[in-house]
Amino acid sequence: MIKYVSLDLTLNKLCNMNCKYCSAHSNIKEDIINFNLVKNIINEVHKEYPKNKINFVLLGGEVTLLPKGKLKEFVDYLCSLEYCGLINIFTNGKVYSQELAELSYYKNVYLRISMDTLNPVVNQRDITISELTTTIKRYNLARLCIDSTLNNITIPYYRELQDFFYNLGIRLFKIKFERNDAHIIENFTNSRDKFRDYMLKIMRKDVFYACDLQLNTVLITEVSPKIDLSLHVAKAHQRNHRNIFGKLPLKKVWNCYE
């Protein structure tokens, strides 16, 4: 079996939204990672796991605000690596990017948008559903995935969200439950079996879910003020999963914590 290591890289901190719940952004245009340093980190990860493919998750800030050509340059570099697996690029959908649209047609690149609910009272993201719809309809919808974090507030609205994006042509969805929300889920359903049965009733059966229903160990390190690095190890053949991990043997240059 091929094992996969998933490597999260924060490419920039500049963002064009001001969501109430988010503090992981800045308004500094020049706040961009040093790509040569990142290449060195990727090489070190490969040395640590030479038999593993590496899935890359590219994050911001907002990646569409990178200097023109910078994102494509970096994705092209990743694709040139013989051990490159999938490349998942997160965007908030605030603005359309021709560069991002062209990348979505690469054979191993997927676009990701985080959206927990369409309910305007619950959804605190600084973008209207109309703005988001206008943007994402211009992308390759076959390679676009909607990521949702569910809890007792968002679960009742999840089917509505799925139906909306399904009608736009999207067939990839990912759901997760944050570890600290576990007690909320238990209160919502009283038992794990009841919760599973409930979710099976409200989830569409004609889409692909790139997830498990549980978020376990995530190891994170900050290697510089401009780089956030998350390492995940899948113990089995799980190309699209990032949520079932084992502990990593860590090199001394990474000050990781759980």
C-alpha atoms as a PDB file:
ATOM      1  CA  MET A   1       0.000   0.000   0.000  1.00  0.00           C
ATOM      2  CA  ILE A   2       1.088   3.553  -0.701  1.00  0.00           C
ATOM      3  CA  LYS A   3       1.221   5.685   2.414  1.00  0.00           C
ATOM      4  CA  TYR A   4       0.632   9.404   2.303  1.00  0.00           C
ATOM      5  CA  VAL A   5       1.982  12.256   4.371  1.00  0.00           C
ATOM      6  CA  SER A   6      -0.133  15.399   4.278  1.00  0.00           C
ATOM      7  CA  LEU A   7       1.740  18.687   4.531  1.00  0.00           C
ATOM      8  CA  ASP A   8      -0.109  21.951   5.200  1.00  0.00           C
ATOM      9  CA  LEU A   9       1.594  25.156   4.081  1.00  0.00           C
ATOM     10  CA  THR A  10       0.394  28.676   4.801  1.00  0.00           C
ATOM     11  CA  LEU A  11       1.567  30.624   1.743  1.00  0.00           C
ATOM     12  CA  ASN A  12       0.531  34.096   2.868  1.00  0.00           C
ATOM     13  CA  LYS A  13      -1.347  35.853   5.658  1.00  0.00           C
ATOM     14  CA  LEU A  14      -2.981  38.637   3.630  1.00  0.00           C
ATOM     15  CA  CYS A  15      -6.763  38.192   3.418  1.00  0.00           C
ATOM     16  CA  ASN A  16      -9.587  40.080   1.735  1.00  0.00           C
ATOM     17  CA  MET A  17     -12.196  39.146   4.317  1.00  0.00           C
ATOM     18  CA  ASN A  18     -12.574  40.005   7.984  1.00  0.00           C
ATOM     19  CA  CYS A  19     -14.489  37.078   9.422  1.00  0.00           C
ATOM     20  CA  LYS A  20     -15.338  37.558  13.106  1.00  0.00           C
ATOM     21  CA  TYR A  21     -14.114  34.124  14.149  1.00  0.00           C
ATOM     22  CA  CYS A  22     -10.749  34.268  12.341  1.00  0.00           C
ATOM     23  CA  SER A  23      -7.520  35.779  13.618  1.00  0.00           C
ATOM     24  CA  ALA A  24      -5.148  33.925  11.274  1.00  0.00           C
ATOM     25  CA  HIS A  25      -4.689  36.745   8.803  1.00  0.00           C
ATOM     26  CA  SER A  26      -3.006  40.101   8.356  1.00  0.00           C
ATOM     27  CA  ASN A  27      -3.272  43.118   6.095  1.00  0.00           C
ATOM     28  CA  ILE A  28       0.374  43.065   5.090  1.00  0.00           C
ATOM     29  CA  LYS A  29       0.736  42.508   1.347  1.00  0.00           C
ATOM     30  CA  GLU A  30       4.366  41.435   1.639  1.00  0.00           C
ATOM     31  CA  ASP A  31       3.651  38.792   4.288  1.00  0.00           C
ATOM     32  CA  ILE A  32       4.555  35.827   2.042  1.00  0.00           C
ATOM     33  CA  ILE A  33       6.531  32.711   2.845  1.00  0.00           C
ATOM     34  CA  ASN A  34      10.065  32.209   1.610  1.00  0.00           C
ATOM     35  CA  PHE A  35       9.592  29.572  -1.072  1.00  0.00           C
ATOM     36  CA  ASN A  36      13.205  28.447  -0.933  1.00  0.00           C
ATOM     37  CA  LEU A  37      12.814  27.739   2.786  1.00  0.00           C
ATOM     38  CA  VAL A  38       9.619  25.795   2.102  1.00  0.00           C
ATOM     39  CA  LYS A  39      11.370  23.732  -0.566  1.00  0.00           C
ATOM     40  CA  ASN A  40      13.996  22.801   2.028  1.00  0.00           C
ATOM     41  CA  ILE A  41      11.280  21.767   4.484  1.00  0.00           C
ATOM     42  CA  ILE A  42       9.577  19.626   1.843  1.00  0.00           C
ATOM     43  CA  ASN A  43      12.894  17.952   1.099  1.00  0.00           C
ATOM     44  CA  GLU A  44      13.407  17.207   4.804  1.00  0.00           C
ATOM     45  CA  VAL A  45       9.922  15.679   5.054  1.00  0.00           C
ATOM     46  CA  HIS A  46      10.649  13.511   2.024  1.00  0.00           C
ATOM     47  CA  LYS A  47      13.915  12.327   3.601  1.00  0.00           C
ATOM     48  CA  GLU A  48      11.990  11.398   6.745  1.00  0.00           C
ATOM     49  CA  TYR A  49       9.331   9.498   4.730  1.00  0.00           C
ATOM     50  CA  PRO A  50      11.068   8.411   1.500  1.00  0.00           C
ATOM     51  CA  LYS A  51       8.485   5.731   0.688  1.00  0.00           C
ATOM     52  CA  ASN A  52       5.491   8.010   1.148  1.00  0.00           C
ATOM     53  CA  LYS A  53       3.695  10.256  -1.282  1.00  0.00           C
ATOM     54  CA  ILE A  54       3.112  13.773   0.047  1.00  0.00           C
ATOM     55  CA  ASN A  55      -0.266  15.456  -0.264  1.00  0.00           C
ATOM     56  CA  PHE A  56       0.032  19.257  -0.120  1.00  0.00           C
ATOM     57  CA  VAL A  57      -2.587  21.594   1.330  1.00  0.00           C
ATOM     58  CA  LEU A  58      -2.015  25.227   0.373  1.00  0.00           C
ATOM     59  CA  LEU A  59      -3.585  27.819   2.636  1.00  0.00           C
ATOM     60  CA  GLY A  60      -3.719  31.556   3.381  1.00  0.00           C
ATOM     61  CA  GLY A  61      -4.694  34.238   4.248  1.00  0.00           C
ATOM     62  CA  GLU A  62      -6.082  34.106   0.756  1.00  0.00           C
ATOM     63  CA  VAL A  63      -3.942  32.514  -1.949  1.00  0.00           C
ATOM     64  CA  THR A  64      -5.524  34.516  -4.771  1.00  0.00           C
ATOM     65  CA  LEU A  65      -3.855  37.621  -3.278  1.00  0.00           C
ATOM     66  CA  LEU A  66      -0.362  36.273  -3.898  1.00  0.00           C
ATOM     67  CA  PRO A  67       1.674  38.179  -6.535  1.00  0.00           C
ATOM     68  CA  LYS A  68       0.676  37.192 -10.071  1.00  0.00           C
ATOM     69  CA  GLY A  69       2.255  33.915 -11.129  1.00  0.00           C
ATOM     70  CA  LYS A  70       3.534  33.044  -7.649  1.00  0.00           C
ATOM     71  CA  LEU A  71       0.921  30.370  -6.921  1.00  0.00           C
ATOM     72  CA  LYS A  72       1.366  28.722 -10.325  1.00  0.00           C
ATOM     73  CA  GLU A  73       5.144  28.772  -9.896  1.00  0.00           C
ATOM     74  CA  PHE A  74       4.870  26.960  -6.583  1.00  0.00           C
ATOM     75  CA  VAL A  75       2.263  24.419  -7.769  1.00  0.00           C
ATOM     76  CA  ASP A  76       4.383  23.658 -10.835  1.00  0.00           C
ATOM     77  CA  TYR A  77       7.311  22.973  -8.526  1.00  0.00           C
ATOM     78  CA  LEU A  78       5.226  20.611  -6.386  1.00  0.00           C
ATOM     79  CA  CYS A  79       3.955  18.774  -9.468  1.00  0.00           C
ATOM     80  CA  SER A  80       7.532  18.237 -10.601  1.00  0.00           C
ATOM     81  CA  LEU A  81       8.295  16.191  -7.473  1.00  0.00           C
ATOM     82  CA  GLU A  82       8.077  12.461  -8.123  1.00  0.00           C
ATOM     83  CA  TYR A  83       6.579  11.935  -4.671  1.00  0.00           C
ATOM     84  CA  CYS A  84       3.873  14.589  -5.077  1.00  0.00           C
ATOM     85  CA  GLY A  85       0.379  13.293  -4.309  1.00  0.00           C
ATOM     86  CA  LEU A  86      -2.706  15.518  -4.331  1.00  0.00           C
ATOM     87  CA  ILE A  87      -2.538  19.305  -4.089  1.00  0.00           C
ATOM     88  CA  ASN A  88      -5.470  20.946  -2.327  1.00  0.00           C
ATOM     89  CA  ILE A  89      -5.720  24.738  -2.600  1.00  0.00           C
ATOM     90  CA  PHE A  90      -8.025  26.629  -0.243  1.00  0.00           C
ATOM     91  CA  THR A  91      -9.701  29.831  -1.402  1.00  0.00           C
ATOM     92  CA  ASN A  92     -12.463  31.845   0.230  1.00  0.00           C
ATOM     93  CA  GLY A  93     -14.187  32.567  -3.094  1.00  0.00           C
ATOM     94  CA  LYS A  94     -14.273  36.328  -2.549  1.00  0.00           C
ATOM     95  CA  VAL A  95     -12.642  37.085  -5.899  1.00  0.00           C
ATOM     96  CA  TYR A  96     -12.120  35.109  -9.091  1.00  0.00           C
ATOM     97  CA  SER A  97      -8.570  34.203 -10.105  1.00  0.00           C
ATOM     98  CA  GLN A  98      -7.746  33.134 -13.653  1.00  0.00           C
ATOM     99  CA  GLU A  99      -4.509  31.655 -12.338  1.00  0.00           C
ATOM    100  CA  LEU A 100      -6.403  29.506  -9.828  1.00  0.00           C
ATOM    101  CA  ALA A 101      -8.934  28.508 -12.479  1.00  0.00           C
ATOM    102  CA  GLU A 102      -6.175  27.216 -14.763  1.00  0.00           C
ATOM    103  CA  LEU A 103      -4.572  25.293 -11.885  1.00  0.00           C
ATOM    104  CA  SER A 104      -7.862  23.521 -11.180  1.00  0.00           C
ATOM    105  CA  TYR A 105      -7.424  21.615 -14.447  1.00  0.00           C
ATOM    106  CA  TYR A 106      -4.141  20.060 -13.326  1.00  0.00           C
ATOM    107  CA  LYS A 107      -4.700  16.324 -12.870  1.00  0.00           C
ATOM    108  CA  ASN A 108      -3.851  16.284  -9.152  1.00  0.00           C
ATOM    109  CA  VAL A 109      -5.102  19.736  -8.056  1.00  0.00           C
ATOM    110  CA  TYR A 110      -8.350  20.331  -6.163  1.00  0.00           C
ATOM    111  CA  LEU A 111      -9.881  23.615  -5.003  1.00  0.00           C
ATOM    112  CA  ARG A 112     -11.375  23.798  -1.524  1.00  0.00           C
ATOM    113  CA  ILE A 113     -13.859  26.248   0.000  1.00  0.00           C
ATOM    114  CA  SER A 114     -14.858  26.243   3.661  1.00  0.00           C
ATOM    115  CA  MET A 115     -18.591  26.688   4.211  1.00  0.00           C
ATOM    116  CA  ASP A 116     -20.403  25.290   7.248  1.00  0.00           C
ATOM    117  CA  THR A 117     -23.913  26.562   6.608  1.00  0.00           C
ATOM    118  CA  LEU A 118     -25.961  28.853   4.370  1.00  0.00           C
ATOM    119  CA  ASN A 119     -27.869  30.222   7.350  1.00  0.00           C
ATOM    120  CA  PRO A 120     -26.858  33.936   7.471  1.00  0.00           C
ATOM    121  CA  VAL A 121     -27.307  34.092  11.249  1.00  0.00           C
ATOM    122  CA  VAL A 122     -24.978  31.152  11.893  1.00  0.00           C
ATOM    123  CA  ASN A 123     -22.524  31.750   9.039  1.00  0.00           C
ATOM    124  CA  GLN A 124     -20.163  34.511  10.123  1.00  0.00           C
ATOM    125  CA  ARG A 125     -18.049  34.605   6.968  1.00  0.00           C
ATOM    126  CA  ASP A 126     -17.705  38.034   5.389  1.00  0.00           C
ATOM    127  CA  ILE A 127     -19.112  37.040   2.009  1.00  0.00           C
ATOM    128  CA  THR A 128     -22.643  36.639   0.672  1.00  0.00           C
ATOM    129  CA  ILE A 129     -23.769  33.391  -0.900  1.00  0.00           C
ATOM    130  CA  SER A 130     -24.468  35.366  -4.089  1.00  0.00           C
ATOM    131  CA  GLU A 131     -20.851  36.586  -4.226  1.00  0.00           C
ATOM    132  CA  LEU A 132     -19.550  33.079  -3.603  1.00  0.00           C
ATOM    133  CA  THR A 133     -21.819  31.560  -6.243  1.00  0.00           C
ATOM    134  CA  THR A 134     -20.765  34.082  -8.881  1.00  0.00           C
ATOM    135  CA  THR A 135     -17.101  33.260  -8.250  1.00  0.00           C
ATOM    136  CA  ILE A 136     -17.125  29.477  -7.996  1.00  0.00           C
ATOM    137  CA  LYS A 137     -19.322  28.976 -11.081  1.00  0.00           C
ATOM    138  CA  ARG A 138     -16.332  30.189 -13.103  1.00  0.00           C
ATOM    139  CA  TYR A 139     -14.068  27.443 -11.757  1.00  0.00           C
ATOM    140  CA  ASN A 140     -13.748  23.769 -12.673  1.00  0.00           C
ATOM    141  CA  LEU A 141     -16.592  22.475 -10.490  1.00  0.00           C
ATOM    142  CA  ALA A 142     -15.497  18.870 -11.000  1.00  0.00           C
ATOM    143  CA  ARG A 143     -12.405  19.718  -8.906  1.00  0.00           C
ATOM    144  CA  LEU A 144     -14.053  21.885  -6.271  1.00  0.00           C
ATOM    145  CA  CYS A 145     -14.779  20.561  -2.783  1.00  0.00           C
ATOM    146  CA  ILE A 146     -16.939  22.145  -0.071  1.00  0.00           C
ATOM    147  CA  ASP A 147     -15.446  21.700   3.424  1.00  0.00           C
ATOM    148  CA  SER A 148     -17.799  21.848   6.411  1.00  0.00           C
ATOM    149  CA  THR A 149     -17.192  21.673  10.149  1.00  0.00           C
ATOM    150  CA  LEU A 150     -20.347  20.409  11.807  1.00  0.00           C
ATOM    151  CA  ASN A 151     -21.708  20.810  15.321  1.00  0.00           C
ATOM    152  CA  ASN A 152     -25.150  20.932  16.912  1.00  0.00           C
ATOM    153  CA  ILE A 153     -25.771  24.363  15.355  1.00  0.00           C
ATOM    154  CA  THR A 154     -24.754  23.604  11.769  1.00  0.00           C
ATOM    155  CA  ILE A 155     -25.869  19.963  11.458  1.00  0.00           C
ATOM    156  CA  PRO A 156     -29.585  20.769  10.916  1.00  0.00           C
ATOM    157  CA  TYR A 157     -28.680  23.000   7.964  1.00  0.00           C
ATOM    158  CA  TYR A 158     -26.189  20.661   6.317  1.00  0.00           C
ATOM    159  CA  ARG A 159     -28.546  19.021   3.820  1.00  0.00           C
ATOM    160  CA  GLU A 160     -29.693  22.461   2.661  1.00  0.00           C
ATOM    161  CA  LEU A 161     -26.059  23.401   2.049  1.00  0.00           C
ATOM    162  CA  GLN A 162     -25.395  20.196   0.146  1.00  0.00           C
ATOM    163  CA  ASP A 163     -28.460  20.594  -2.052  1.00  0.00           C
ATOM    164  CA  PHE A 164     -27.487  24.162  -2.895  1.00  0.00           C
ATOM    165  CA  PHE A 165     -23.968  23.317  -4.043  1.00  0.00           C
ATOM    166  CA  TYR A 166     -25.139  20.092  -5.711  1.00  0.00           C
ATOM    167  CA  ASN A 167     -27.477  22.169  -7.868  1.00  0.00           C
ATOM    168  CA  LEU A 168     -24.472  24.266  -8.888  1.00  0.00           C
ATOM    169  CA  GLY A 169     -22.728  21.113 -10.109  1.00  0.00           C
ATOM    170  CA  ILE A 170     -20.444  20.307  -7.157  1.00  0.00           C
ATOM    171  CA  ARG A 171     -20.071  16.638  -6.195  1.00  0.00           C
ATOM    172  CA  LEU A 172     -17.184  16.723  -3.697  1.00  0.00           C
ATOM    173  CA  PHE A 173     -17.810  17.403  -0.023  1.00  0.00           C
ATOM    174  CA  LYS A 174     -15.801  17.051   3.143  1.00  0.00           C
ATOM    175  CA  ILE A 175     -17.150  17.072   6.674  1.00  0.00           C
ATOM    176  CA  LYS A 176     -15.445  16.945  10.031  1.00  0.00           C
ATOM    177  CA  PHE A 177     -16.244  17.399  13.683  1.00  0.00           C
ATOM    178  CA  GLU A 178     -13.759  19.259  15.808  1.00  0.00           C
ATOM    179  CA  ARG A 179     -12.510  17.230  18.754  1.00  0.00           C
ATOM    180  CA  ASN A 180     -13.735  19.780  21.298  1.00  0.00           C
ATOM    181  CA  ASP A 181     -17.240  19.525  19.866  1.00  0.00           C
ATOM    182  CA  ALA A 182     -17.534  15.809  20.672  1.00  0.00           C
ATOM    183  CA  HIS A 183     -19.631  16.403  23.769  1.00  0.00           C
ATOM    184  CA  ILE A 184     -21.988  18.592  21.725  1.00  0.00           C
ATOM    185  CA  ILE A 185     -22.479  15.792  19.211  1.00  0.00           C
ATOM    186  CA  GLU A 186     -23.218  13.320  21.989  1.00  0.00           C
ATOM    187  CA  ASN A 187     -25.784  15.685  23.480  1.00  0.00           C
ATOM    188  CA  PHE A 188     -27.324  16.147  20.068  1.00  0.00           C
ATOM    189  CA  THR A 189     -27.935  12.458  19.492  1.00  0.00           C
ATOM    190  CA  ASN A 190     -27.427  10.722  22.879  1.00  0.00           C
ATOM    191  CA  SER A 191     -25.370   7.954  21.286  1.00  0.00           C
ATOM    192  CA  ARG A 192     -22.823   7.419  18.516  1.00  0.00           C
ATOM    193  CA  ASP A 193     -25.080   4.945  16.704  1.00  0.00           C
ATOM    194  CA  LYS A 194     -28.004   7.367  16.729  1.00  0.00           C
ATOM    195  CA  PHE A 195     -25.729  10.106  15.473  1.00  0.00           C
ATOM    196  CA  ARG A 196     -24.474   7.932  12.621  1.00  0.00           C
ATOM    197  CA  ASP A 197     -28.008   6.996  11.643  1.00  0.00           C
ATOM    198  CA  TYR A 198     -29.080  10.616  11.777  1.00  0.00           C
ATOM    199  CA  MET A 199     -26.208  11.754   9.556  1.00  0.00           C
ATOM    200  CA  LEU A 200     -26.900   8.993   7.038  1.00  0.00           C
ATOM    201  CA  LYS A 201     -30.461  10.262   6.748  1.00  0.00           C
ATOM    202  CA  ILE A 202     -29.541  13.867   6.017  1.00  0.00           C
ATOM    203  CA  MET A 203     -26.457  13.328   3.827  1.00  0.00           C
ATOM    204  CA  ARG A 204     -26.825  13.014   0.059  1.00  0.00           C
ATOM    205  CA  LYS A 205     -26.008   9.568  -1.298  1.00  0.00           C
ATOM    206  CA  ASP A 206     -24.955  10.763  -4.766  1.00  0.00           C
ATOM    207  CA  VAL A 207     -21.806  12.704  -3.844  1.00  0.00           C
ATOM    208  CA  PHE A 208     -18.302  11.831  -2.694  1.00  0.00           C
ATOM    209  CA  TYR A 209     -17.259  12.532   0.888  1.00  0.00           C
ATOM    210  CA  ALA A 210     -13.514  13.028   1.363  1.00  0.00           C
ATOM    211  CA  CYS A 211     -13.554  12.529   5.107  1.00  0.00           C
ATOM    212  CA  ASP A 212     -14.113  10.520   8.213  1.00  0.00           C
ATOM    213  CA  LEU A 213     -16.477  11.748  10.905  1.00  0.00           C
ATOM    214  CA  GLN A 214     -13.767  12.386  13.473  1.00  0.00           C
ATOM    215  CA  LEU A 215     -10.779  14.694  13.880  1.00  0.00           C
ATOM    216  CA  ASN A 216      -7.945  13.116  15.821  1.00  0.00           C
ATOM    217  CA  THR A 217      -4.283  14.001  16.263  1.00  0.00           C
ATOM    218  CA  VAL A 218      -2.949  16.988  14.371  1.00  0.00           C
ATOM    219  CA  LEU A 219       0.672  18.022  14.788  1.00  0.00           C
ATOM    220  CA  ILE A 220       1.540  21.633  14.087  1.00  0.00           C
ATOM    221  CA  THR A 221       4.773  23.581  14.036  1.00  0.00           C
ATOM    222  CA  GLU A 222       5.700  27.155  13.305  1.00  0.00           C
ATOM    223  CA  VAL A 223       9.045  27.202  11.533  1.00  0.00           C
ATOM    224  CA  SER A 224       9.102  30.961  11.027  1.00  0.00           C
ATOM    225  CA  PRO A 225       6.726  33.882  11.607  1.00  0.00           C
ATOM    226  CA  LYS A 226       5.519  33.442   8.031  1.00  0.00           C
ATOM    227  CA  ILE A 227       5.195  29.673   7.849  1.00  0.00           C
ATOM    228  CA  ASP A 228       2.685  27.441   9.560  1.00  0.00           C
ATOM    229  CA  LEU A 229       3.447  23.792   8.981  1.00  0.00           C
ATOM    230  CA  SER A 230       1.098  20.932   9.810  1.00  0.00           C
ATOM    231  CA  LEU A 231       2.134  17.317   9.389  1.00  0.00           C
ATOM    232  CA  HIS A 232      -0.322  14.448   9.119  1.00  0.00           C
ATOM    233  CA  VAL A 233       0.408  10.774   8.572  1.00  0.00           C
ATOM    234  CA  ALA A 234      -2.192   8.404   7.170  1.00  0.00           C
ATOM    235  CA  LYS A 235      -1.677   4.835   8.330  1.00  0.00           C
ATOM    236  CA  ALA A 236      -3.530   3.310   5.402  1.00  0.00           C
ATOM    237  CA  HIS A 237      -4.350   3.947   1.749  1.00  0.00           C
ATOM    238  CA  GLN A 238      -6.334   7.151   2.311  1.00  0.00           C
ATOM    239  CA  ARG A 239      -5.502   9.637  -0.426  1.00  0.00           C
ATOM    240  CA  ASN A 240      -8.222  12.109   0.434  1.00  0.00           C
ATOM    241  CA  HIS A 241      -8.312  11.687   4.204  1.00  0.00           C
ATOM    242  CA  ARG A 242      -6.492  14.040   6.531  1.00  0.00           C
ATOM    243  CA  ASN A 243      -8.308  13.153   9.711  1.00  0.00           C
ATOM    244  CA  ILE A 244      -6.905   9.843  10.940  1.00  0.00           C
ATOM    245  CA  PHE A 245      -3.307  10.258  11.966  1.00  0.00           C
ATOM    246  CA  GLY A 246      -0.579   8.647  13.963  1.00  0.00           C
ATOM    247  CA  LYS A 247       2.217  10.349  15.862  1.00  0.00           C
ATOM    248  CA  LEU A 248       5.321  11.366  13.972  1.00  0.00           C
ATOM    249  CA  PRO A 249       9.002  10.921  14.736  1.00  0.00           C
ATOM    250  CA  LEU A 250       9.966  14.591  14.756  1.00  0.00           C
ATOM    251  CA  LYS A 251      13.252  16.138  13.739  1.00  0.00           C
ATOM    252  CA  LYS A 252      14.744  18.535  16.239  1.00  0.00           C
ATOM    253  CA  VAL A 253      14.169  21.534  13.976  1.00  0.00           C
ATOM    254  CA  TRP A 254      10.416  21.115  14.361  1.00  0.00           C
ATOM    255  CA  ASN A 255       9.017  22.190  17.676  1.00  0.00           C
ATOM    256  CA  CYS A 256       5.729  20.323  17.330  1.00  0.00           C
ATOM    257  CA  TYR A 257       2.962  19.983  19.825  1.00  0.00           C
ATOM    258  CA  GLU A 258      -0.417  18.277  19.987  1.00  0.00           C
END
